[in-house]
Amino acid sequence: MFLRNHLDEKGAIYPIAIVFFMSALLMLSHSLMLYSIQYKTYDGLENTHRHATILLLIEIEQK
């Protein structure tokens, strides 16, 4: 009932716009969080691989 009374007024678009922008901001922040987690995971794997490669090269040099 409350929403019905305000649909005809010009200011009724503002709550809809706020909900839209808040949901877009939430989706953007969620996507950035997932990307940062993925980046940290791949960076950690790359560092581990690099360290293992260095250890193998040292082992080959010693033989």
N, C-alpha and C. Protein backbone atom coordinates (compact mmCIF):
# COMPACT_ATOMS: atom_id res chain seq x y z
N MET A 1 0.82 -1.20 0.00
CA MET A 1 0.00 0.00 0.00
C MET A 1 0.86 1.26 0.00
N PHE A 2 1.92 1.25 0.78
CA PHE A 2 2.81 2.40 0.84
C PHE A 2 3.46 2.67 -0.51
N LEU A 3 3.87 1.61 -1.20
CA LEU A 3 4.52 1.77 -2.49
C LEU A 3 3.53 2.26 -3.55
N ARG A 4 2.31 1.82 -3.46
CA ARG A 4 1.28 2.25 -4.42
C ARG A 4 1.03 3.75 -4.38
N ASN A 5 1.07 4.32 -3.20
CA ASN A 5 0.82 5.76 -3.08
C ASN A 5 1.94 6.58 -3.67
N HIS A 6 3.14 6.05 -3.69
CA HIS A 6 4.29 6.82 -4.16
C HIS A 6 4.69 6.53 -5.59
N LEU A 7 4.02 5.65 -6.27
CA LEU A 7 4.40 5.34 -7.64
C LEU A 7 4.10 6.48 -8.60
N ASP A 8 3.12 7.28 -8.29
CA ASP A 8 2.76 8.37 -9.19
C ASP A 8 3.63 9.60 -9.00
N GLU A 9 4.38 9.68 -7.95
CA GLU A 9 5.21 10.85 -7.68
C GLU A 9 6.54 10.74 -8.41
N LYS A 10 7.15 11.89 -8.69
CA LYS A 10 8.40 11.90 -9.43
C LYS A 10 9.56 11.37 -8.60
N GLY A 11 9.49 11.46 -7.30
CA GLY A 11 10.57 11.01 -6.44
C GLY A 11 10.60 9.52 -6.20
N ALA A 12 9.68 8.79 -6.79
CA ALA A 12 9.62 7.35 -6.56
C ALA A 12 10.76 6.60 -7.25
N ILE A 13 11.40 7.24 -8.22
CA ILE A 13 12.49 6.57 -8.94
C ILE A 13 13.75 6.50 -8.09
N TYR A 14 13.90 7.39 -7.12
CA TYR A 14 15.13 7.42 -6.32
C TYR A 14 15.35 6.16 -5.50
N PRO A 15 14.37 5.62 -4.80
CA PRO A 15 14.62 4.37 -4.08
C PRO A 15 14.97 3.21 -5.02
N ILE A 16 14.36 3.18 -6.18
CA ILE A 16 14.66 2.13 -7.16
C ILE A 16 16.09 2.29 -7.66
N ALA A 17 16.50 3.53 -7.92
CA ALA A 17 17.87 3.79 -8.38
C ALA A 17 18.88 3.42 -7.29
N ILE A 18 18.57 3.74 -6.06
CA ILE A 18 19.48 3.41 -4.95
C ILE A 18 19.63 1.90 -4.83
N VAL A 19 18.53 1.17 -4.92
CA VAL A 19 18.60 -0.30 -4.84
C VAL A 19 19.41 -0.84 -6.01
N PHE A 20 19.21 -0.30 -7.20
CA PHE A 20 19.96 -0.75 -8.36
C PHE A 20 21.46 -0.51 -8.19
N PHE A 21 21.84 0.70 -7.80
CA PHE A 21 23.25 1.02 -7.65
C PHE A 21 23.89 0.26 -6.49
N MET A 22 23.17 0.03 -5.43
CA MET A 22 23.71 -0.75 -4.32
C MET A 22 23.93 -2.20 -4.74
N SER A 23 23.00 -2.77 -5.51
CA SER A 23 23.18 -4.14 -5.98
C SER A 23 24.34 -4.22 -6.98
N ALA A 24 24.48 -3.21 -7.83
CA ALA A 24 25.60 -3.20 -8.77
C ALA A 24 26.92 -3.07 -8.01
N LEU A 25 26.96 -2.24 -6.99
CA LEU A 25 28.16 -2.10 -6.18
C LEU A 25 28.49 -3.39 -5.45
N LEU A 26 27.48 -4.07 -4.95
CA LEU A 26 27.68 -5.34 -4.28
C LEU A 26 28.24 -6.39 -5.24
N MET A 27 27.69 -6.46 -6.45
CA MET A 27 28.18 -7.42 -7.43
C MET A 27 29.61 -7.11 -7.85
N LEU A 28 29.93 -5.83 -8.00
CA LEU A 28 31.28 -5.43 -8.38
C LEU A 28 32.29 -5.77 -7.28
N SER A 29 31.95 -5.49 -6.05
CA SER A 29 32.86 -5.80 -4.95
C SER A 29 33.04 -7.30 -4.80
N HIS A 30 31.98 -8.06 -5.01
CA HIS A 30 32.07 -9.52 -4.94
C HIS A 30 32.98 -10.05 -6.04
N SER A 31 32.85 -9.52 -7.25
CA SER A 31 33.70 -9.94 -8.36
C SER A 31 35.16 -9.60 -8.10
N LEU A 32 35.42 -8.41 -7.55
CA LEU A 32 36.79 -8.02 -7.23
C LEU A 32 37.38 -8.92 -6.15
N MET A 33 36.57 -9.29 -5.18
CA MET A 33 37.04 -10.17 -4.12
C MET A 33 37.40 -11.54 -4.69
N LEU A 34 36.55 -12.08 -5.56
CA LEU A 34 36.84 -13.37 -6.17
C LEU A 34 38.11 -13.31 -7.04
N TYR A 35 38.27 -12.20 -7.77
CA TYR A 35 39.46 -12.05 -8.60
C TYR A 35 40.71 -11.98 -7.74
N SER A 36 40.66 -11.27 -6.63
CA SER A 36 41.84 -11.16 -5.77
C SER A 36 42.19 -12.50 -5.15
N ILE A 37 41.20 -13.30 -4.78
CA ILE A 37 41.47 -14.63 -4.25
C ILE A 37 42.11 -15.51 -5.32
N GLN A 38 41.59 -15.44 -6.53
CA GLN A 38 42.16 -16.23 -7.63
C GLN A 38 43.58 -15.78 -7.92
N TYR A 39 43.83 -14.47 -7.91
CA TYR A 39 45.17 -13.95 -8.18
C TYR A 39 46.15 -14.43 -7.12
N LYS A 40 45.77 -14.36 -5.85
CA LYS A 40 46.64 -14.82 -4.77
C LYS A 40 46.94 -16.31 -4.89
N THR A 41 45.95 -17.08 -5.29
CA THR A 41 46.15 -18.53 -5.45
C THR A 41 47.16 -18.81 -6.56
N TYR A 42 46.96 -18.18 -7.73
CA TYR A 42 47.87 -18.41 -8.84
C TYR A 42 49.27 -17.88 -8.54
N ASP A 43 49.36 -16.78 -7.83
CA ASP A 43 50.66 -16.22 -7.47
C ASP A 43 51.39 -17.17 -6.52
N GLY A 44 50.68 -17.73 -5.57
CA GLY A 44 51.29 -18.70 -4.66
C GLY A 44 51.76 -19.94 -5.38
N LEU A 45 50.96 -20.43 -6.32
CA LEU A 45 51.36 -21.60 -7.10
C LEU A 45 52.59 -21.30 -7.96
N GLU A 46 52.64 -20.11 -8.53
CA GLU A 46 53.78 -19.74 -9.35
C GLU A 46 55.05 -19.64 -8.50
N ASN A 47 54.95 -19.07 -7.31
CA ASN A 47 56.10 -18.98 -6.42
C ASN A 47 56.59 -20.37 -6.00
N THR A 48 55.66 -21.27 -5.73
CA THR A 48 56.02 -22.64 -5.38
C THR A 48 56.73 -23.33 -6.54
N HIS A 49 56.19 -23.15 -7.74
CA HIS A 49 56.79 -23.77 -8.93
C HIS A 49 58.19 -23.19 -9.17
N ARG A 50 58.34 -21.89 -9.02
CA ARG A 50 59.64 -21.25 -9.22
C ARG A 50 60.66 -21.77 -8.21
N HIS A 51 60.23 -21.89 -6.96
CA HIS A 51 61.14 -22.39 -5.92
C HIS A 51 61.54 -23.84 -6.21
N ALA A 52 60.60 -24.66 -6.66
CA ALA A 52 60.91 -26.05 -6.99
C ALA A 52 61.87 -26.12 -8.18
N THR A 53 61.70 -25.25 -9.15
CA THR A 53 62.60 -25.21 -10.31
C THR A 53 64.01 -24.83 -9.88
N ILE A 54 64.13 -23.85 -9.00
CA ILE A 54 65.44 -23.43 -8.51
C ILE A 54 66.10 -24.58 -7.75
N LEU A 55 65.33 -25.27 -6.93
CA LEU A 55 65.90 -26.41 -6.21
C LEU A 55 66.38 -27.51 -7.15
N LEU A 56 65.61 -27.76 -8.21
CA LEU A 56 66.03 -28.76 -9.20
C LEU A 56 67.31 -28.34 -9.92
N LEU A 57 67.42 -27.05 -10.27
CA LEU A 57 68.62 -26.58 -10.93
C LEU A 57 69.84 -26.68 -10.02
N ILE A 58 69.66 -26.39 -8.75
CA ILE A 58 70.76 -26.51 -7.79
C ILE A 58 71.17 -27.97 -7.67
N GLU A 59 70.19 -28.87 -7.64
CA GLU A 59 70.49 -30.30 -7.54
C GLU A 59 71.22 -30.79 -8.78
N ILE A 60 70.85 -30.30 -9.96
CA ILE A 60 71.52 -30.70 -11.20
C ILE A 60 72.95 -30.19 -11.21
N GLU A 61 73.17 -28.96 -10.73
CA GLU A 61 74.52 -28.40 -10.69
C GLU A 61 75.42 -29.19 -9.77
N GLN A 62 74.89 -29.70 -8.70
CA GLN A 62 75.70 -30.43 -7.73
C GLN A 62 76.13 -31.80 -8.24
N LYS A 63 75.41 -32.34 -9.18
CA LYS A 63 75.73 -33.68 -9.71
C LYS A 63 76.74 -33.62 -10.78
